[in-house]
């Protein structure tokens, strides 16, 4: 996760997405997922210890599969928008839930034990980024300018 602060993208924060399901299921599926945090309330929830998507944070689905539509709630106040693309074949009935939280171990390895995910996301901690993290941040800056017109 990276946040846009004062026209620049912050160093990436590593997140841990966990999902469990139970039910009659068969098949295999691979999903690419992008979450857009739309406001400070959503960011604060995400940077807290753990958030359950859809229960603790309001989330609206954008494109699912290969469709090209977006949606939000009636008041346009969703804290997060999700965009996903799935490949594979999956059938079944299930009861599932998922959570998203900062990956403390990965962030400590990348930035040091005393740096919090909040400090990295908000740009309040000066951290040394790896070449891969720098490339990620540069790609965000380049690609968002190309699609949004924001410089």
N, C-alpha and C. Protein backbone atom coordinates (compact mmCIF):
# COMPACT_ATOMS: atom_id res chain seq x y z
N UNK A 1 0.85 -1.17 0.00
CA UNK A 1 0.00 0.00 0.00
C UNK A 1 0.89 1.22 0.00
N UNK A 2 0.51 2.21 -0.76
CA UNK A 2 1.22 3.48 -0.80
C UNK A 2 0.18 4.60 -0.80
N UNK A 3 0.50 5.69 -0.12
CA UNK A 3 -0.42 6.83 -0.03
C UNK A 3 0.15 8.03 -0.77
N UNK A 4 -0.72 8.81 -1.34
CA UNK A 4 -0.29 10.04 -2.01
C UNK A 4 -0.30 11.17 -0.99
N UNK A 5 0.86 11.72 -0.71
CA UNK A 5 1.03 12.81 0.26
C UNK A 5 1.76 13.96 -0.41
N UNK A 6 1.15 15.12 -0.41
CA UNK A 6 1.77 16.33 -0.98
C UNK A 6 2.27 16.09 -2.41
N UNK A 7 1.47 15.39 -3.21
CA UNK A 7 1.82 15.18 -4.61
C UNK A 7 2.81 14.06 -4.87
N UNK A 8 3.26 13.36 -3.83
CA UNK A 8 4.22 12.26 -4.00
C UNK A 8 3.67 11.01 -3.33
N UNK A 9 4.10 9.86 -3.84
CA UNK A 9 3.70 8.58 -3.25
C UNK A 9 4.68 8.21 -2.15
N UNK A 10 4.15 7.69 -1.05
CA UNK A 10 4.99 7.26 0.06
C UNK A 10 5.62 5.90 -0.26
N UNK A 11 6.56 5.52 0.58
CA UNK A 11 7.14 4.18 0.48
C UNK A 11 6.01 3.16 0.67
N UNK A 12 6.13 1.99 0.07
CA UNK A 12 5.06 1.00 0.20
C UNK A 12 5.02 0.37 1.59
N UNK A 13 3.81 0.10 2.05
CA UNK A 13 3.57 -0.62 3.30
C UNK A 13 3.13 -2.02 2.90
N UNK A 14 3.70 -3.02 3.54
CA UNK A 14 3.33 -4.40 3.27
C UNK A 14 2.08 -4.75 4.06
N UNK A 15 1.12 -5.38 3.38
CA UNK A 15 -0.15 -5.75 4.00
C UNK A 15 -0.32 -7.27 3.93
N UNK A 16 -1.11 -7.79 4.86
CA UNK A 16 -1.41 -9.21 4.92
C UNK A 16 -2.91 -9.39 4.72
N UNK A 17 -3.28 -10.07 3.64
CA UNK A 17 -4.67 -10.35 3.33
C UNK A 17 -4.92 -11.82 3.62
N UNK A 18 -5.87 -12.11 4.49
CA UNK A 18 -6.20 -13.49 4.84
C UNK A 18 -7.67 -13.73 4.55
N UNK A 19 -7.96 -14.91 4.03
CA UNK A 19 -9.34 -15.26 3.74
C UNK A 19 -9.53 -16.74 4.05
N UNK A 20 -10.65 -17.05 4.61
CA UNK A 20 -11.01 -18.44 4.88
C UNK A 20 -12.42 -18.68 4.37
N UNK A 21 -12.66 -19.89 3.93
CA UNK A 21 -14.00 -20.22 3.47
C UNK A 21 -14.33 -21.65 3.84
N UNK A 22 -15.62 -21.92 3.92
CA UNK A 22 -16.10 -23.24 4.28
C UNK A 22 -17.34 -23.51 3.45
N UNK A 23 -17.44 -24.71 2.93
CA UNK A 23 -18.64 -25.07 2.18
C UNK A 23 -18.34 -26.10 1.11
N UNK A 24 -19.28 -26.31 0.22
CA UNK A 24 -19.11 -27.23 -0.90
C UNK A 24 -18.46 -26.45 -2.04
N UNK A 25 -17.20 -26.80 -2.33
CA UNK A 25 -16.45 -26.04 -3.32
C UNK A 25 -15.62 -26.98 -4.17
N UNK A 26 -15.40 -26.59 -5.43
CA UNK A 26 -14.53 -27.35 -6.32
C UNK A 26 -13.93 -26.40 -7.34
N UNK A 27 -12.67 -26.64 -7.70
CA UNK A 27 -12.05 -25.85 -8.74
C UNK A 27 -10.82 -25.12 -8.24
N UNK A 28 -10.30 -24.27 -9.10
CA UNK A 28 -9.13 -23.45 -8.78
C UNK A 28 -9.32 -22.08 -9.39
N UNK A 29 -8.88 -21.07 -8.69
CA UNK A 29 -9.09 -19.71 -9.16
C UNK A 29 -7.92 -18.84 -8.72
N UNK A 30 -7.50 -17.94 -9.56
CA UNK A 30 -6.46 -16.96 -9.25
C UNK A 30 -7.08 -15.57 -9.41
N UNK A 31 -6.86 -14.72 -8.42
CA UNK A 31 -7.47 -13.39 -8.44
C UNK A 31 -6.42 -12.31 -8.24
N UNK A 32 -6.46 -11.29 -9.07
CA UNK A 32 -5.66 -10.09 -8.87
C UNK A 32 -6.58 -9.06 -8.24
N UNK A 33 -6.12 -8.39 -7.19
CA UNK A 33 -6.96 -7.48 -6.43
C UNK A 33 -6.27 -6.15 -6.22
N UNK A 34 -7.00 -5.08 -6.45
CA UNK A 34 -6.53 -3.72 -6.15
C UNK A 34 -7.57 -3.08 -5.25
N UNK A 35 -7.13 -2.52 -4.13
CA UNK A 35 -8.02 -1.78 -3.24
C UNK A 35 -7.63 -0.31 -3.29
N UNK A 36 -8.60 0.55 -3.47
CA UNK A 36 -8.37 1.99 -3.41
C UNK A 36 -9.00 2.50 -2.13
N UNK A 37 -8.21 3.14 -1.30
CA UNK A 37 -8.71 3.71 -0.05
C UNK A 37 -9.14 5.12 -0.38
N UNK A 38 -10.43 5.42 -0.17
CA UNK A 38 -11.00 6.66 -0.69
C UNK A 38 -10.96 7.84 0.27
N UNK A 39 -10.76 7.60 1.56
CA UNK A 39 -10.77 8.72 2.51
C UNK A 39 -9.94 8.38 3.74
N UNK A 40 -9.72 9.36 4.58
CA UNK A 40 -8.88 9.19 5.77
C UNK A 40 -9.48 8.16 6.74
N UNK A 41 -10.79 8.11 6.82
CA UNK A 41 -11.44 7.14 7.71
C UNK A 41 -11.09 5.72 7.29
N UNK A 42 -11.11 5.44 5.99
CA UNK A 42 -10.74 4.13 5.49
C UNK A 42 -9.28 3.82 5.76
N UNK A 43 -8.41 4.81 5.58
CA UNK A 43 -6.98 4.63 5.85
C UNK A 43 -6.73 4.34 7.32
N UNK A 44 -7.39 5.09 8.19
CA UNK A 44 -7.21 4.87 9.63
C UNK A 44 -7.65 3.47 10.03
N UNK A 45 -8.76 3.00 9.48
CA UNK A 45 -9.22 1.64 9.79
C UNK A 45 -8.23 0.61 9.28
N UNK A 46 -7.72 0.82 8.08
CA UNK A 46 -6.80 -0.14 7.48
C UNK A 46 -5.48 -0.21 8.25
N UNK A 47 -5.04 0.91 8.78
CA UNK A 47 -3.77 0.93 9.51
C UNK A 47 -3.93 0.55 10.98
N UNK A 48 -5.16 0.35 11.42
CA UNK A 48 -5.35 -0.16 12.77
C UNK A 48 -4.93 -1.63 12.76
N UNK A 49 -5.13 -2.31 13.81
CA UNK A 49 -4.62 -3.68 13.93
C UNK A 49 -5.11 -4.61 12.84
N UNK A 50 -6.42 -4.67 12.61
CA UNK A 50 -6.98 -5.58 11.61
C UNK A 50 -8.37 -5.08 11.22
N UNK A 51 -8.68 -5.18 9.94
CA UNK A 51 -10.00 -4.77 9.46
C UNK A 51 -10.62 -5.92 8.68
N UNK A 52 -11.91 -6.14 8.91
CA UNK A 52 -12.65 -7.14 8.14
C UNK A 52 -13.38 -6.40 7.04
N UNK A 53 -13.02 -6.70 5.81
CA UNK A 53 -13.59 -5.99 4.67
C UNK A 53 -15.07 -6.28 4.56
N UNK A 54 -15.87 -5.22 4.48
CA UNK A 54 -17.30 -5.36 4.38
C UNK A 54 -18.01 -5.29 5.72
N UNK A 55 -17.32 -5.64 6.80
CA UNK A 55 -17.94 -5.59 8.13
C UNK A 55 -17.42 -4.38 8.90
N UNK A 56 -16.09 -4.25 9.02
CA UNK A 56 -15.51 -3.13 9.75
C UNK A 56 -15.32 -1.90 8.86
N UNK A 57 -15.17 -2.13 7.55
CA UNK A 57 -14.94 -1.03 6.61
C UNK A 57 -15.91 -1.19 5.44
N UNK A 58 -16.51 -0.08 5.03
CA UNK A 58 -17.43 -0.17 3.89
C UNK A 58 -16.61 -0.29 2.62
N UNK A 59 -16.94 -1.29 1.83
CA UNK A 59 -16.20 -1.54 0.60
C UNK A 59 -17.21 -1.77 -0.52
N UNK A 60 -16.94 -1.21 -1.67
CA UNK A 60 -17.82 -1.37 -2.82
C UNK A 60 -17.02 -2.01 -3.94
N UNK A 61 -17.66 -2.85 -4.71
CA UNK A 61 -16.98 -3.57 -5.78
C UNK A 61 -16.91 -2.74 -7.03
N UNK A 62 -15.75 -2.75 -7.63
CA UNK A 62 -15.55 -2.18 -8.95
C UNK A 62 -15.63 -3.32 -9.95
N UNK A 63 -14.82 -3.29 -10.99
CA UNK A 63 -14.87 -4.36 -11.98
C UNK A 63 -14.58 -5.72 -11.36
N UNK A 64 -15.41 -6.70 -11.68
CA UNK A 64 -15.23 -8.07 -11.22
C UNK A 64 -15.09 -8.93 -12.46
N UNK A 65 -14.19 -9.89 -12.42
CA UNK A 65 -13.93 -10.68 -13.62
C UNK A 65 -13.30 -9.78 -14.66
N UNK A 66 -13.91 -9.69 -15.81
CA UNK A 66 -13.36 -8.82 -16.86
C UNK A 66 -14.35 -7.75 -17.28
N UNK A 67 -15.30 -7.44 -16.44
CA UNK A 67 -16.25 -6.39 -16.76
C UNK A 67 -15.62 -5.04 -16.50
N UNK A 68 -16.25 -3.99 -16.92
CA UNK A 68 -15.68 -2.66 -16.78
C UNK A 68 -16.67 -1.69 -16.14
N UNK A 69 -17.29 -2.10 -15.06
CA UNK A 69 -18.21 -1.19 -14.38
C UNK A 69 -17.73 -0.95 -12.96
N UNK A 70 -18.18 0.12 -12.36
CA UNK A 70 -17.81 0.43 -10.99
C UNK A 70 -19.07 0.76 -10.22
N UNK A 71 -19.01 0.56 -8.91
CA UNK A 71 -20.17 0.84 -8.09
C UNK A 71 -19.72 1.35 -6.74
N UNK A 72 -20.60 2.03 -6.06
CA UNK A 72 -20.35 2.44 -4.68
C UNK A 72 -21.69 2.41 -3.98
N UNK A 73 -21.73 2.83 -2.74
CA UNK A 73 -23.01 2.81 -2.05
C UNK A 73 -23.84 4.03 -2.47
N UNK A 74 -25.07 4.07 -2.06
CA UNK A 74 -26.00 5.11 -2.52
C UNK A 74 -25.54 6.51 -2.12
N UNK A 75 -24.86 6.65 -0.99
CA UNK A 75 -24.41 7.97 -0.53
C UNK A 75 -23.02 8.31 -1.05
N UNK A 76 -22.42 7.46 -1.88
CA UNK A 76 -21.06 7.66 -2.41
C UNK A 76 -20.05 7.85 -1.28
N UNK A 77 -20.17 7.05 -0.22
CA UNK A 77 -19.28 7.20 0.93
C UNK A 77 -18.44 5.96 1.21
N UNK A 78 -18.31 5.06 0.26
CA UNK A 78 -17.51 3.86 0.50
C UNK A 78 -16.09 4.27 0.88
N UNK A 79 -15.57 3.63 1.91
CA UNK A 79 -14.21 3.92 2.36
C UNK A 79 -13.18 3.29 1.44
N UNK A 80 -13.56 2.20 0.78
CA UNK A 80 -12.65 1.50 -0.12
C UNK A 80 -13.41 1.05 -1.36
N UNK A 81 -12.70 1.04 -2.48
CA UNK A 81 -13.22 0.46 -3.71
C UNK A 81 -12.33 -0.72 -4.04
N UNK A 82 -12.93 -1.80 -4.48
CA UNK A 82 -12.13 -2.97 -4.86
C UNK A 82 -12.29 -3.23 -6.35
N UNK A 83 -11.20 -3.58 -6.98
CA UNK A 83 -11.17 -3.95 -8.37
C UNK A 83 -10.48 -5.31 -8.44
N UNK A 84 -11.09 -6.25 -9.12
CA UNK A 84 -10.48 -7.58 -9.19
C UNK A 84 -10.65 -8.17 -10.57
N UNK A 85 -9.75 -9.09 -10.86
CA UNK A 85 -9.81 -9.85 -12.10
C UNK A 85 -9.49 -11.29 -11.74
N UNK A 86 -10.35 -12.19 -12.13
CA UNK A 86 -10.19 -13.60 -11.76
C UNK A 86 -10.01 -14.47 -12.99
N UNK A 87 -9.21 -15.51 -12.81
CA UNK A 87 -9.01 -16.52 -13.85
C UNK A 87 -9.22 -17.88 -13.21
N UNK A 88 -9.74 -18.81 -13.97
CA UNK A 88 -9.90 -20.16 -13.48
C UNK A 88 -11.35 -20.57 -13.46
N UNK A 89 -11.59 -21.72 -12.88
CA UNK A 89 -12.93 -22.27 -12.78
C UNK A 89 -13.19 -22.61 -11.33
N UNK A 90 -14.28 -22.09 -10.81
CA UNK A 90 -14.61 -22.33 -9.41
C UNK A 90 -16.12 -22.42 -9.30
N UNK A 91 -16.59 -23.42 -8.59
CA UNK A 91 -18.02 -23.56 -8.36
C UNK A 91 -18.24 -24.00 -6.93
N UNK A 92 -19.32 -23.53 -6.37
CA UNK A 92 -19.62 -23.98 -5.03
C UNK A 92 -20.46 -22.99 -4.25
N UNK A 93 -20.79 -23.41 -3.06
CA UNK A 93 -21.51 -22.58 -2.11
C UNK A 93 -20.62 -22.49 -0.89
N UNK A 94 -20.35 -21.28 -0.46
CA UNK A 94 -19.45 -21.17 0.68
C UNK A 94 -19.83 -20.04 1.60
N UNK A 95 -19.32 -20.12 2.79
CA UNK A 95 -19.41 -19.07 3.79
C UNK A 95 -17.98 -18.61 4.00
N UNK A 96 -17.68 -17.34 3.72
CA UNK A 96 -16.29 -16.91 3.79
C UNK A 96 -16.17 -15.56 4.45
N UNK A 97 -14.96 -15.27 4.85
CA UNK A 97 -14.65 -13.99 5.45
C UNK A 97 -13.18 -13.69 5.24
N UNK A 98 -12.84 -12.43 5.27
CA UNK A 98 -11.45 -12.06 5.07
C UNK A 98 -11.07 -10.88 5.92
N UNK A 99 -9.78 -10.75 6.14
CA UNK A 99 -9.28 -9.61 6.90
C UNK A 99 -8.03 -9.07 6.24
N UNK A 100 -7.75 -7.82 6.50
CA UNK A 100 -6.60 -7.14 5.94
C UNK A 100 -5.93 -6.36 7.06
N UNK A 101 -4.62 -6.51 7.19
CA UNK A 101 -3.88 -5.81 8.25
C UNK A 101 -2.45 -5.57 7.79
N UNK A 102 -1.78 -4.58 8.38
CA UNK A 102 -0.37 -4.39 8.07
C UNK A 102 0.44 -5.63 8.44
N UNK A 103 1.37 -6.00 7.59
CA UNK A 103 2.24 -7.15 7.85
C UNK A 103 3.44 -6.64 8.65
N UNK A 104 3.35 -6.77 9.96
CA UNK A 104 4.37 -6.22 10.86
C UNK A 104 5.75 -6.80 10.59
N UNK A 105 5.84 -8.09 10.35
CA UNK A 105 7.14 -8.72 10.12
C UNK A 105 7.80 -8.21 8.84
N UNK A 106 7.04 -8.16 7.75
CA UNK A 106 7.59 -7.68 6.47
C UNK A 106 7.99 -6.21 6.56
N UNK A 107 7.16 -5.40 7.22
CA UNK A 107 7.50 -3.98 7.38
C UNK A 107 8.74 -3.80 8.25
N UNK A 108 8.88 -4.61 9.30
CA UNK A 108 10.07 -4.52 10.17
C UNK A 108 11.32 -4.92 9.39
N UNK A 109 11.23 -5.95 8.56
CA UNK A 109 12.39 -6.35 7.75
C UNK A 109 12.78 -5.26 6.76
N UNK A 110 11.78 -4.58 6.21
CA UNK A 110 12.05 -3.56 5.19
C UNK A 110 12.52 -2.23 5.78
N UNK A 111 11.93 -1.82 6.91
CA UNK A 111 12.17 -0.47 7.41
C UNK A 111 12.74 -0.39 8.82
N UNK A 112 12.80 -1.50 9.53
CA UNK A 112 13.30 -1.50 10.90
C UNK A 112 12.17 -1.72 11.89
N UNK A 113 12.53 -2.27 13.05
CA UNK A 113 11.54 -2.67 14.05
C UNK A 113 10.78 -1.49 14.66
N UNK A 114 11.36 -0.32 14.66
CA UNK A 114 10.73 0.83 15.34
C UNK A 114 9.88 1.69 14.42
N UNK A 115 9.73 1.29 13.17
CA UNK A 115 8.94 2.07 12.21
C UNK A 115 7.57 1.41 12.06
N UNK A 116 6.50 2.18 12.25
CA UNK A 116 5.15 1.62 12.13
C UNK A 116 4.62 1.77 10.70
N UNK A 117 3.63 0.96 10.37
CA UNK A 117 2.99 1.04 9.06
C UNK A 117 2.37 2.42 8.86
N UNK A 118 1.80 3.00 9.91
CA UNK A 118 1.22 4.34 9.83
C UNK A 118 2.27 5.37 9.47
N UNK A 119 3.46 5.28 10.08
CA UNK A 119 4.54 6.24 9.78
C UNK A 119 4.97 6.14 8.31
N UNK A 120 5.05 4.92 7.80
CA UNK A 120 5.45 4.73 6.41
C UNK A 120 4.36 5.25 5.47
N UNK A 121 3.12 4.86 5.72
CA UNK A 121 2.01 5.25 4.84
C UNK A 121 1.79 6.76 4.80
N UNK A 122 1.93 7.41 5.94
CA UNK A 122 1.71 8.85 6.00
C UNK A 122 2.96 9.66 5.67
N UNK A 123 4.08 8.98 5.47
CA UNK A 123 5.31 9.66 5.12
C UNK A 123 5.95 10.39 6.28
N UNK A 124 5.57 10.04 7.51
CA UNK A 124 6.15 10.73 8.68
C UNK A 124 7.46 10.11 9.12
N UNK A 125 7.81 8.95 8.58
CA UNK A 125 9.10 8.31 8.91
C UNK A 125 9.98 8.36 7.68
N UNK A 126 11.21 8.75 7.88
CA UNK A 126 12.18 8.70 6.78
C UNK A 126 12.73 7.29 6.72
N UNK A 127 12.42 6.60 5.63
CA UNK A 127 12.85 5.22 5.50
C UNK A 127 13.68 5.06 4.24
N UNK A 128 14.60 4.12 4.29
CA UNK A 128 15.41 3.78 3.13
C UNK A 128 14.66 2.74 2.33
N UNK A 129 14.36 3.06 1.08
CA UNK A 129 13.60 2.14 0.25
C UNK A 129 14.54 1.27 -0.57
N UNK A 130 14.13 0.02 -0.79
CA UNK A 130 14.87 -0.88 -1.66
C UNK A 130 14.70 -0.42 -3.11
N UNK A 131 15.54 -0.89 -4.01
CA UNK A 131 15.36 -0.53 -5.43
C UNK A 131 13.98 -0.95 -5.96
N UNK A 132 13.45 -2.09 -5.48
CA UNK A 132 12.14 -2.54 -5.92
C UNK A 132 11.04 -1.59 -5.44
N UNK A 133 11.17 -1.11 -4.20
CA UNK A 133 10.18 -0.17 -3.66
C UNK A 133 10.24 1.15 -4.42
N UNK A 134 11.44 1.60 -4.77
CA UNK A 134 11.57 2.83 -5.54
C UNK A 134 10.93 2.68 -6.92
N UNK A 135 11.14 1.53 -7.55
CA UNK A 135 10.54 1.28 -8.86
C UNK A 135 9.02 1.27 -8.76
N UNK A 136 8.48 0.67 -7.68
CA UNK A 136 7.04 0.64 -7.44
C UNK A 136 6.50 2.07 -7.33
N UNK A 137 7.16 2.91 -6.52
CA UNK A 137 6.71 4.28 -6.32
C UNK A 137 6.80 5.08 -7.61
N UNK A 138 7.86 4.89 -8.38
CA UNK A 138 7.99 5.60 -9.65
C UNK A 138 6.91 5.17 -10.64
N UNK A 139 6.57 3.88 -10.66
CA UNK A 139 5.51 3.40 -11.55
C UNK A 139 4.17 3.99 -11.15
N UNK A 140 3.90 4.09 -9.84
CA UNK A 140 2.65 4.72 -9.40
C UNK A 140 2.58 6.16 -9.88
N UNK A 141 3.64 6.90 -9.71
CA UNK A 141 3.66 8.30 -10.12
C UNK A 141 3.48 8.45 -11.62
N UNK A 142 4.15 7.62 -12.38
CA UNK A 142 4.08 7.69 -13.84
C UNK A 142 2.70 7.28 -14.33
N UNK A 143 2.18 6.17 -13.84
CA UNK A 143 0.91 5.65 -14.34
C UNK A 143 -0.30 6.44 -13.86
N UNK A 144 -0.27 7.00 -12.67
CA UNK A 144 -1.42 7.79 -12.24
C UNK A 144 -1.46 9.13 -12.99
N UNK A 145 -0.32 9.67 -13.34
CA UNK A 145 -0.34 10.90 -14.16
C UNK A 145 -0.96 10.61 -15.51
N UNK A 146 -0.63 9.44 -16.06
CA UNK A 146 -1.14 9.08 -17.38
C UNK A 146 -2.64 8.86 -17.41
N UNK A 147 -3.23 8.43 -16.30
CA UNK A 147 -4.65 8.12 -16.31
C UNK A 147 -5.53 9.18 -15.66
N UNK A 148 -4.95 10.00 -14.77
CA UNK A 148 -5.78 10.94 -14.03
C UNK A 148 -5.55 12.40 -14.44
N UNK A 149 -4.44 12.66 -15.09
CA UNK A 149 -4.12 14.04 -15.43
C UNK A 149 -3.51 14.82 -14.26
N UNK A 150 -3.43 14.19 -13.08
CA UNK A 150 -2.85 14.84 -11.90
C UNK A 150 -1.34 14.75 -11.99
N UNK A 151 -0.66 15.84 -11.78
CA UNK A 151 0.80 15.85 -11.85
C UNK A 151 1.41 15.82 -10.48
